[in-house]
């Protein structure tokens, strides 16, 4: 018998790859943070001698969720400015508050709050897009959470950088600091076509190719964005990005609610990944991403929550259910996005968008052990006919029982491991009082 670090037994294992498969009474074997085997429980028990054995006959074991678009420090602005359209929300409320409070402490404490929420909901990796990426990266590293940290580029001064050159200099410094880290990677994060000039996009295009970095950007989020681009550039935003040589397999295009059939085919041909954020798009009335059409065209699809200021949670199980249901309603087709495809968007699809699919996103031998268990022994999850459908259409984050990142236990039997949730909550309450007491002229 081979000695290994960990053996996880489950009533069902859903590996995601191969697609749509659920394996009853299987076990996953982990050593040195990686998956070394996936096999029936009875065979595992005579083949391996684990230092730790976790038995979950009443649970489903699956890959951790990958949140492919998040502004996690904005968890401290949850519920700050609800029921408003995007530009009113952004320009009239979010940017003024950020001008008043944005800094390293805000980013650190907001990221901590988000990590607690994500772990409790089964998310093991996030694609971060916010200022002070140096602070975000250190916070993710300190708490043992996997993240691709965005390197922000935007046309106006912020507390993070004051000029175009400073944005790029600081971005490259953060990238160099975390190059090769097992949990932290980086990507360029130009905010959006309407806030980034051609010259900056051209620099990003060149550097992303040289450094092999993804480009994480809001694109075609609203009809107004498209209309403004036509007025200013005489091109739709995607056409402009194509002209600037950014439409390729490194582009992570977020939202994409305004697409023509020709643009969908172009994205498929160029290998662009699209991140669907259904709940944020619904809440801000930004439009509907044509998920069914993108899926049919073969465009790589991922799922993101967006930030808590516009969602208002980081619940990937809820996001997955909304995505599946909304796709059906928009396409007027009950089969438009089936449960296995929705789960794939929330796991391997996100990993592929972030160029992490060789490491995470599915339960395959050699990959990092980013795994979760989800209880199915509760009335709300029974009877159980199809585990994948049950997770997508009836699953909830309160049923998450265990979470591992690279084989390290982060949640055990429903309880956080090595994170002081009470201290994180106290800091969140402090920020809530501070923001609530800002003079109204600063946030209206």
Protein backbone atom coordinates (compact mmCIF):
# COMPACT_ATOMS: atom_id res chain seq x y z
CA UNK A 1 0.00 0.00 0.00
CA UNK A 2 1.24 3.48 -0.87
CA UNK A 3 1.33 6.04 1.91
CA UNK A 4 -0.39 9.31 0.99
CA UNK A 5 -1.42 12.52 2.73
CA UNK A 6 -5.18 12.45 2.30
CA UNK A 7 -8.02 10.21 1.15
CA UNK A 8 -11.46 11.79 0.65
CA UNK A 9 -14.39 9.40 0.28
CA UNK A 10 -17.74 10.64 -1.00
CA UNK A 11 -21.17 9.37 -1.92
CA UNK A 12 -20.59 10.91 -5.34
CA UNK A 13 -17.57 12.41 -7.11
CA UNK A 14 -18.21 14.87 -9.93
CA UNK A 15 -14.89 15.36 -11.74
CA UNK A 16 -16.25 17.87 -14.36
CA UNK A 17 -13.85 16.32 -16.85
CA UNK A 18 -15.11 14.04 -18.36
CA UNK A 19 -18.19 16.16 -18.89
CA UNK A 20 -21.46 15.37 -17.15
CA UNK A 21 -20.17 12.37 -15.18
CA UNK A 22 -21.06 11.58 -11.56
CA UNK A 23 -19.25 8.66 -9.93
CA UNK A 24 -20.99 6.94 -6.98
CA UNK A 25 -18.97 5.78 -3.97
CA UNK A 26 -15.62 7.08 -5.19
CA UNK A 27 -12.57 8.49 -3.49
CA UNK A 28 -9.92 11.06 -4.37
CA UNK A 29 -6.34 10.46 -3.26
CA UNK A 30 -4.11 13.47 -2.54
CA UNK A 31 -0.38 13.74 -1.90
CA UNK A 32 1.81 16.83 -1.77
CA UNK A 33 -1.20 18.98 -2.62
CA UNK A 34 -1.99 17.17 -5.87
CA UNK A 35 -4.52 14.57 -6.97
CA UNK A 36 -2.83 11.21 -7.46
CA UNK A 37 -5.85 8.97 -8.01
CA UNK A 38 -9.62 8.83 -8.46
CA UNK A 39 -11.12 5.39 -7.91
CA UNK A 40 -13.88 3.40 -6.14
CA UNK A 41 -13.70 3.61 -2.36
CA UNK A 42 -13.25 -0.13 -1.84
CA UNK A 43 -10.28 -0.19 -4.21
CA UNK A 44 -8.76 2.92 -2.62
CA UNK A 45 -8.85 1.36 0.84
CA UNK A 46 -6.69 -1.58 -0.24
CA UNK A 47 -4.36 0.52 -2.40
CA UNK A 48 -3.48 3.52 -0.23
CA UNK A 49 -2.55 4.20 3.38
CA UNK A 50 -3.64 7.80 4.09
CA UNK A 51 -2.32 9.93 6.91
CA UNK A 52 -5.77 11.56 6.97
CA UNK A 53 -9.03 9.94 5.91
CA UNK A 54 -12.19 12.03 5.37
CA UNK A 55 -15.43 10.09 4.99
CA UNK A 56 -18.38 11.90 3.44
CA UNK A 57 -20.93 9.26 2.31
CA UNK A 58 -23.67 11.89 2.57
CA UNK A 59 -21.90 14.42 0.34
CA UNK A 60 -20.83 15.16 -3.21
CA UNK A 61 -17.13 15.86 -3.88
CA UNK A 62 -16.37 18.25 -6.73
CA UNK A 63 -13.80 20.85 -7.82
CA UNK A 64 -13.82 24.15 -5.97
CA UNK A 65 -15.67 26.94 -7.71
CA UNK A 66 -13.67 29.45 -9.76
CA UNK A 67 -15.04 32.99 -9.58
CA UNK A 68 -13.80 34.35 -12.90
CA UNK A 69 -14.64 38.01 -12.22
CA UNK A 70 -14.64 39.71 -8.85
CA UNK A 71 -13.84 43.03 -7.19
CA UNK A 72 -13.38 41.48 -3.79
CA UNK A 73 -12.34 44.53 -1.71
CA UNK A 74 -15.71 45.99 -2.69
CA UNK A 75 -17.31 43.53 -0.27
CA UNK A 76 -17.01 46.48 2.14
CA UNK A 77 -19.48 48.38 -0.09
CA UNK A 78 -22.12 45.66 -0.10
CA UNK A 79 -25.56 47.30 -0.37
CA UNK A 80 -24.16 50.83 -0.48
CA UNK A 81 -25.99 52.02 -3.60
CA UNK A 82 -28.65 49.59 -4.71
CA UNK A 83 -31.31 49.82 -7.44
CA UNK A 84 -29.39 52.14 -9.75
CA UNK A 85 -28.25 51.85 -13.39
CA UNK A 86 -24.55 51.19 -14.00
CA UNK A 87 -23.18 54.65 -14.76
CA UNK A 88 -25.26 56.38 -12.05
CA UNK A 89 -24.16 53.71 -9.58
CA UNK A 90 -20.52 53.92 -10.65
CA UNK A 91 -19.99 57.65 -11.19
CA UNK A 92 -22.39 58.98 -8.59
CA UNK A 93 -21.73 56.58 -5.73
CA UNK A 94 -18.96 54.00 -6.06
CA UNK A 95 -16.17 56.21 -7.42
CA UNK A 96 -16.85 59.01 -4.87
CA UNK A 97 -16.70 56.53 -1.97
CA UNK A 98 -13.52 55.01 -3.33
CA UNK A 99 -12.02 58.50 -3.54
CA UNK A 100 -12.74 58.90 0.18
CA UNK A 101 -11.63 55.51 1.56
CA UNK A 102 -9.55 53.62 -1.01
CA UNK A 103 -6.16 52.55 0.31
CA UNK A 104 -4.16 49.52 1.42
CA UNK A 105 -6.17 48.93 4.62
CA UNK A 106 -9.47 49.04 2.77
CA UNK A 107 -8.22 46.54 0.19
CA UNK A 108 -6.74 44.21 2.81
CA UNK A 109 -9.84 44.15 5.02
CA UNK A 110 -12.27 43.87 2.09
CA UNK A 111 -10.28 41.01 0.61
CA UNK A 112 -10.29 39.19 3.95
CA UNK A 113 -14.07 39.55 4.19
CA UNK A 114 -14.46 38.22 0.65
CA UNK A 115 -12.18 35.25 1.30
CA UNK A 116 -14.27 34.23 4.31
CA UNK A 117 -17.47 34.45 2.26
CA UNK A 118 -15.99 32.62 -0.72
CA UNK A 119 -14.56 29.76 1.33
CA UNK A 120 -17.84 29.27 3.17
CA UNK A 121 -19.53 29.03 -0.24
CA UNK A 122 -17.08 26.61 -1.85
CA UNK A 123 -15.08 29.05 -3.98
CA UNK A 124 -11.37 28.24 -4.06
CA UNK A 125 -10.09 30.64 -6.73
CA UNK A 126 -10.93 34.21 -7.75
CA UNK A 127 -10.02 36.41 -10.68
CA UNK A 128 -9.41 39.68 -8.85
CA UNK A 129 -9.85 43.08 -10.50
CA UNK A 130 -9.15 46.02 -8.21
CA UNK A 131 -6.64 48.60 -7.06
CA UNK A 132 -3.66 47.90 -4.77
CA UNK A 133 -3.04 44.46 -6.27
CA UNK A 134 0.11 44.21 -4.15
CA UNK A 135 -2.03 44.25 -1.01
CA UNK A 136 -4.58 41.84 -2.50
CA UNK A 137 -1.85 39.38 -3.46
CA UNK A 138 -0.28 39.44 0.00
CA UNK A 139 -3.71 38.95 1.60
CA UNK A 140 -4.59 35.99 -0.60
CA UNK A 141 -1.17 34.50 0.07
CA UNK A 142 -1.45 34.99 3.84
CA UNK A 143 -4.83 33.26 3.99
CA UNK A 144 -3.86 30.50 1.55
CA UNK A 145 -6.42 31.39 -1.13
CA UNK A 146 -5.81 30.94 -4.85
CA UNK A 147 -6.17 34.09 -6.97
CA UNK A 148 -5.26 35.67 -10.25
CA UNK A 149 -4.64 39.27 -9.24
CA UNK A 150 -5.47 41.93 -11.81
CA UNK A 151 -2.95 44.67 -12.57
CA UNK A 152 -5.19 47.74 -12.98
CA UNK A 153 -4.88 50.16 -15.87
CA UNK A 154 -7.21 53.15 -16.15
CA UNK A 155 -6.93 56.60 -17.68
CA UNK A 156 -7.39 58.72 -14.56
CA UNK A 157 -5.38 59.11 -11.35
CA UNK A 158 -6.27 56.97 -8.32
CA UNK A 159 -4.62 56.37 -4.95
CA UNK A 160 -2.87 53.40 -6.61
CA UNK A 161 -1.22 55.34 -9.46
CA UNK A 162 -1.21 58.87 -10.81
CA UNK A 163 -0.09 58.49 -14.43
CA UNK A 164 -0.06 56.01 -17.30
CA UNK A 165 3.60 55.22 -16.75
CA UNK A 166 3.09 54.69 -13.02
CA UNK A 167 0.23 52.25 -13.65
CA UNK A 168 2.47 50.16 -15.90
CA UNK A 169 5.53 50.41 -13.66
CA UNK A 170 3.59 49.30 -10.60
CA UNK A 171 1.82 46.55 -12.57
CA UNK A 172 5.11 45.08 -13.70
CA UNK A 173 6.54 45.27 -10.18
CA UNK A 174 3.61 43.28 -8.78
CA UNK A 175 3.89 40.74 -11.58
CA UNK A 176 7.61 40.30 -10.91
CA UNK A 177 7.03 39.86 -7.17
CA UNK A 178 4.57 36.98 -7.64
CA UNK A 179 6.02 35.33 -10.74
CA UNK A 180 5.99 31.54 -10.28
CA UNK A 181 4.03 31.55 -7.01
CA UNK A 182 1.98 28.32 -6.54
CA UNK A 183 -1.25 30.12 -5.59
CA UNK A 184 -0.93 33.70 -6.88
CA UNK A 185 -0.81 34.64 -10.55
CA UNK A 186 -1.36 37.97 -12.30
CA UNK A 187 -3.17 39.39 -15.32
CA UNK A 188 -3.50 42.83 -16.86
CA UNK A 189 -6.77 44.43 -15.83
CA UNK A 190 -7.62 47.44 -18.01
CA UNK A 191 -10.91 48.67 -16.60
CA UNK A 192 -12.98 49.00 -19.78
CA UNK A 193 -12.76 50.37 -23.34
CA UNK A 194 -14.45 53.59 -22.20
CA UNK A 195 -11.79 54.26 -19.52
CA UNK A 196 -8.61 53.13 -21.31
CA UNK A 197 -7.01 54.90 -24.29
CA UNK A 198 -5.61 53.24 -27.40
CA UNK A 199 -2.00 53.82 -26.39
CA UNK A 200 -2.49 51.96 -23.10
CA UNK A 201 -4.26 49.09 -24.81
CA UNK A 202 -1.38 48.87 -27.29
CA UNK A 203 1.12 48.61 -24.42
CA UNK A 204 -1.01 45.92 -22.80
CA UNK A 205 -1.21 43.95 -26.06
CA UNK A 206 2.56 43.94 -26.39
CA UNK A 207 3.30 43.15 -22.75
CA UNK A 208 0.66 40.44 -22.46
CA UNK A 209 2.28 38.59 -25.34
CA UNK A 210 5.80 39.08 -24.00
CA UNK A 211 4.90 38.01 -20.44
CA UNK A 212 2.19 35.47 -21.37
CA UNK A 213 -0.41 37.24 -19.24
CA UNK A 214 -4.18 37.20 -19.58
CA UNK A 215 -6.06 40.50 -20.10
CA UNK A 216 -9.10 40.84 -17.81
CA UNK A 217 -11.47 43.59 -19.01
CA UNK A 218 -15.12 44.72 -18.85
CA UNK A 219 -16.34 44.66 -22.47
CA UNK A 220 -19.74 45.39 -24.05
CA UNK A 221 -21.32 45.71 -20.62
CA UNK A 222 -24.10 48.09 -21.67
CA UNK A 223 -25.75 49.48 -24.79
CA UNK A 224 -24.53 52.95 -23.79
CA UNK A 225 -20.91 51.75 -23.83
CA UNK A 226 -21.36 50.57 -27.41
CA UNK A 227 -23.09 53.78 -28.50
CA UNK A 228 -20.39 55.94 -26.92
CA UNK A 229 -17.66 53.92 -28.63
CA UNK A 230 -19.33 54.34 -32.00
CA UNK A 231 -19.50 58.09 -31.39
CA UNK A 232 -15.91 58.45 -30.18
CA UNK A 233 -14.03 55.82 -32.21
CA UNK A 234 -16.50 55.00 -35.01
CA UNK A 235 -16.12 51.38 -33.91
CA UNK A 236 -17.86 49.08 -31.48
CA UNK A 237 -15.62 48.20 -28.50
CA UNK A 238 -14.86 44.68 -29.72
CA UNK A 239 -13.86 45.97 -33.14
CA UNK A 240 -11.59 48.50 -31.48
CA UNK A 241 -9.95 45.81 -29.33
CA UNK A 242 -9.51 43.69 -32.45
CA UNK A 243 -7.80 46.61 -34.20
CA UNK A 244 -5.49 46.95 -31.21
CA UNK A 245 -4.59 43.23 -31.39
CA UNK A 246 -6.26 42.31 -28.11
CA UNK A 247 -8.89 39.92 -29.44
CA UNK A 248 -7.16 36.61 -28.80
CA UNK A 249 -6.96 33.66 -26.40
CA UNK A 250 -5.54 35.90 -23.68
CA UNK A 251 -8.60 38.15 -23.49
CA UNK A 252 -11.05 37.56 -20.64
CA UNK A 253 -14.05 39.61 -21.75
CA UNK A 254 -16.45 40.24 -18.88
CA UNK A 255 -20.22 40.86 -19.19
CA UNK A 256 -20.61 40.92 -23.00
CA UNK A 257 -24.33 41.72 -22.94
CA UNK A 258 -24.35 43.52 -26.32
CA UNK A 259 -23.24 41.13 -29.05
CA UNK A 260 -24.10 40.63 -32.70
CA UNK A 261 -23.94 37.18 -34.34
CA UNK A 262 -20.81 38.30 -36.21
CA UNK A 263 -19.14 39.33 -32.93
CA UNK A 264 -19.96 35.96 -31.40
CA UNK A 265 -18.32 34.19 -34.34
CA UNK A 266 -15.32 36.51 -34.10
CA UNK A 267 -14.84 35.69 -30.41
CA UNK A 268 -15.02 31.99 -31.19
CA UNK A 269 -12.49 32.30 -34.00
CA UNK A 270 -10.07 34.36 -31.90
CA UNK A 271 -10.29 32.18 -28.78
CA UNK A 272 -11.71 34.90 -26.51
CA UNK A 273 -13.08 33.76 -23.14
CA UNK A 274 -16.35 35.32 -21.94
CA UNK A 275 -17.21 35.68 -18.27
CA UNK A 276 -20.94 35.76 -17.60
CA UNK A 277 -22.06 37.75 -14.53
CA UNK A 278 -25.82 37.21 -14.62
CA UNK A 279 -26.85 38.57 -11.22
CA UNK A 280 -24.86 41.79 -11.49
CA UNK A 281 -26.12 42.33 -15.03
CA UNK A 282 -29.69 41.81 -13.87
CA UNK A 283 -29.34 44.09 -10.86
CA UNK A 284 -27.80 46.94 -12.87
CA UNK A 285 -30.16 46.29 -15.81
CA UNK A 286 -27.14 46.10 -18.11
CA UNK A 287 -28.61 43.53 -20.48
CA UNK A 288 -28.41 39.81 -21.17
CA UNK A 289 -25.29 37.96 -22.21
CA UNK A 290 -26.30 35.61 -25.09
CA UNK A 291 -24.93 32.54 -23.33
CA UNK A 292 -26.76 29.98 -25.47
CA UNK A 293 -25.47 31.50 -28.71
CA UNK A 294 -21.93 31.77 -27.34
CA UNK A 295 -22.09 28.17 -26.16
CA UNK A 296 -23.29 26.95 -29.56
CA UNK A 297 -20.49 28.87 -31.27
CA UNK A 298 -17.88 27.21 -29.08
CA UNK A 299 -16.81 30.31 -27.14
CA UNK A 300 -15.14 29.49 -23.84
CA UNK A 301 -17.55 30.44 -21.04
CA UNK A 302 -16.85 31.17 -17.40
CA UNK A 303 -18.90 32.47 -14.51
CA UNK A 304 -18.30 35.41 -12.17
CA UNK A 305 -20.16 37.14 -9.39
CA UNK A 306 -18.78 40.64 -10.03
CA UNK A 307 -18.33 42.64 -6.82
CA UNK A 308 -20.55 42.73 -3.75
CA UNK A 309 -21.42 46.35 -4.48
CA UNK A 310 -23.44 45.22 -7.49
CA UNK A 311 -24.50 41.64 -6.79
CA UNK A 312 -24.61 41.67 -3.59
CA UNK A 313 -22.87 38.41 -2.74
CA UNK A 314 -20.06 36.11 -3.84
CA UNK A 315 -22.26 33.01 -4.01
CA UNK A 316 -21.19 30.89 -6.98
CA UNK A 317 -23.90 28.29 -6.37
CA UNK A 318 -26.54 30.99 -6.63
CA UNK A 319 -24.80 32.49 -9.66
CA UNK A 320 -24.71 29.10 -11.37
CA UNK A 321 -28.44 28.56 -10.88
CA UNK A 322 -29.24 32.08 -12.13
CA UNK A 323 -27.03 31.56 -15.18
CA UNK A 324 -28.73 28.30 -16.11
CA UNK A 325 -32.25 29.67 -15.68
CA UNK A 326 -31.56 33.02 -17.37
CA UNK A 327 -29.99 31.35 -20.41
CA UNK A 328 -33.17 29.34 -20.89
CA UNK A 329 -35.40 32.39 -20.61
CA UNK A 330 -33.32 34.55 -22.95
CA UNK A 331 -33.04 31.80 -25.59
CA UNK A 332 -36.63 30.56 -25.07
CA UNK A 333 -35.08 27.10 -24.94
CA UNK A 334 -35.24 24.89 -21.84
CA UNK A 335 -32.08 23.09 -22.99
CA UNK A 336 -30.08 26.26 -23.69
CA UNK A 337 -27.64 25.76 -20.79
CA UNK A 338 -27.91 22.39 -19.10
CA UNK A 339 -26.72 21.64 -15.56
CA UNK A 340 -23.38 20.01 -16.50
CA UNK A 341 -22.51 22.99 -18.72
CA UNK A 342 -23.40 25.47 -15.97
CA UNK A 343 -21.20 23.56 -13.51
CA UNK A 344 -18.39 23.53 -16.07
CA UNK A 345 -18.64 27.33 -16.41
CA UNK A 346 -18.28 27.65 -12.63
CA UNK A 347 -15.20 25.41 -12.46
CA UNK A 348 -13.12 24.37 -15.47
CA UNK A 349 -14.46 27.20 -17.65
CA UNK A 350 -13.14 29.79 -15.22
CA UNK A 351 -9.84 27.97 -14.88
CA UNK A 352 -9.41 27.94 -18.68
CA UNK A 353 -10.23 31.64 -18.99
CA UNK A 354 -7.53 32.37 -16.43
CA UNK A 355 -5.03 29.97 -18.10
CA UNK A 356 -5.06 27.82 -14.95
CA UNK A 357 -6.79 24.78 -16.42
CA UNK A 358 -3.66 22.63 -16.23
CA UNK A 359 -3.72 23.15 -12.48
CA UNK A 360 -7.34 23.41 -11.33
CA UNK A 361 -10.99 23.27 -12.39
CA UNK A 362 -11.52 19.50 -12.57
CA UNK A 363 -10.66 16.37 -10.60
CA UNK A 364 -7.89 14.86 -12.69
CA UNK A 365 -4.68 13.11 -11.75
CA UNK A 366 -1.81 15.58 -11.51
CA UNK A 367 -3.93 18.65 -10.82
CA UNK A 368 -3.87 20.70 -7.64
CA UNK A 369 -6.34 19.45 -5.06
CA UNK A 370 -8.77 22.38 -4.97
CA UNK A 371 -11.84 20.48 -3.83
CA UNK A 372 -15.09 20.89 -1.94
CA UNK A 373 -17.76 18.64 -0.48
CA UNK A 374 -21.44 19.55 -0.54
CA UNK A 375 -24.01 17.88 1.68
CA UNK A 376 -26.95 16.13 0.06
CA UNK A 377 -28.42 14.57 3.22
CA UNK A 378 -30.76 17.49 3.90
CA UNK A 379 -34.48 17.63 3.03
CA UNK A 380 -33.88 20.37 0.46
CA UNK A 381 -31.53 18.08 -1.50
CA UNK A 382 -33.61 14.89 -1.45
CA UNK A 383 -34.59 12.70 -3.18
CA UNK A 384 -31.43 12.65 -5.28
CA UNK A 385 -31.85 11.45 -8.88
CA UNK A 386 -29.09 13.39 -10.63
CA UNK A 387 -26.30 14.86 -8.46
CA UNK A 388 -25.21 17.46 -11.03
CA UNK A 389 -28.71 18.80 -11.62
CA UNK A 390 -29.38 18.78 -7.90
CA UNK A 391 -26.32 20.91 -7.19
CA UNK A 392 -27.15 23.43 -9.92
CA UNK A 393 -30.88 23.78 -9.30
CA UNK A 394 -31.23 23.03 -5.57
CA UNK A 395 -27.74 23.48 -4.11
CA UNK A 396 -26.99 26.27 -1.66
CA UNK A 397 -23.79 27.55 -0.09
CA UNK A 398 -24.89 26.59 3.42
CA UNK A 399 -24.53 22.95 2.35
CA UNK A 400 -20.78 23.32 1.70
CA UNK A 401 -19.08 21.07 4.25
CA UNK A 402 -15.36 20.94 3.42
CA UNK A 403 -12.95 22.99 1.31
CA UNK A 404 -9.35 22.25 0.33
CA UNK A 405 -6.94 24.44 -1.65
CA UNK A 406 -3.85 22.64 -2.95
CA UNK A 407 -4.67 19.88 -0.48
CA UNK A 408 -4.74 22.22 2.52
CA UNK A 409 -7.98 22.14 4.49
CA UNK A 410 -9.63 25.57 4.63
CA UNK A 411 -13.11 24.51 5.83
CA UNK A 412 -13.66 21.37 7.89
CA UNK A 413 -17.16 20.07 8.55
CA UNK A 414 -18.59 23.54 8.00
CA UNK A 415 -16.05 25.45 10.11
CA UNK A 416 -13.32 27.75 8.84
CA UNK A 417 -9.77 26.56 9.54
CA UNK A 418 -7.07 29.04 10.64
CA UNK A 419 -9.12 32.17 9.91
CA UNK A 420 -10.54 34.34 12.70
CA UNK A 421 -13.95 35.11 11.22
CA UNK A 422 -14.93 37.24 14.23
CA UNK A 423 -11.94 39.54 13.71
CA UNK A 424 -12.72 39.83 9.99
CA UNK A 425 -16.33 40.70 10.80
CA UNK A 426 -15.27 43.36 13.34
CA UNK A 427 -13.18 45.10 10.69
CA UNK A 428 -16.07 44.97 8.22
CA UNK A 429 -18.36 46.61 10.77
CA UNK A 430 -15.76 49.34 11.33
CA UNK A 431 -15.64 50.11 7.60
CA UNK A 432 -19.41 50.07 7.41
CA UNK A 433 -19.65 52.76 10.08
CA UNK A 434 -16.92 54.83 8.46
CA UNK A 435 -18.52 54.75 5.01
CA UNK A 436 -22.02 55.38 6.37
CA UNK A 437 -20.74 58.51 8.14
CA UNK A 438 -19.14 60.06 5.05
CA UNK A 439 -20.62 63.44 4.20
CA UNK A 440 -23.46 62.91 1.75
CA UNK A 441 -21.80 65.24 -0.77
CA UNK A 442 -18.99 62.65 -1.03
CA UNK A 443 -21.25 59.77 -1.99
CA UNK A 444 -24.25 61.33 -3.79
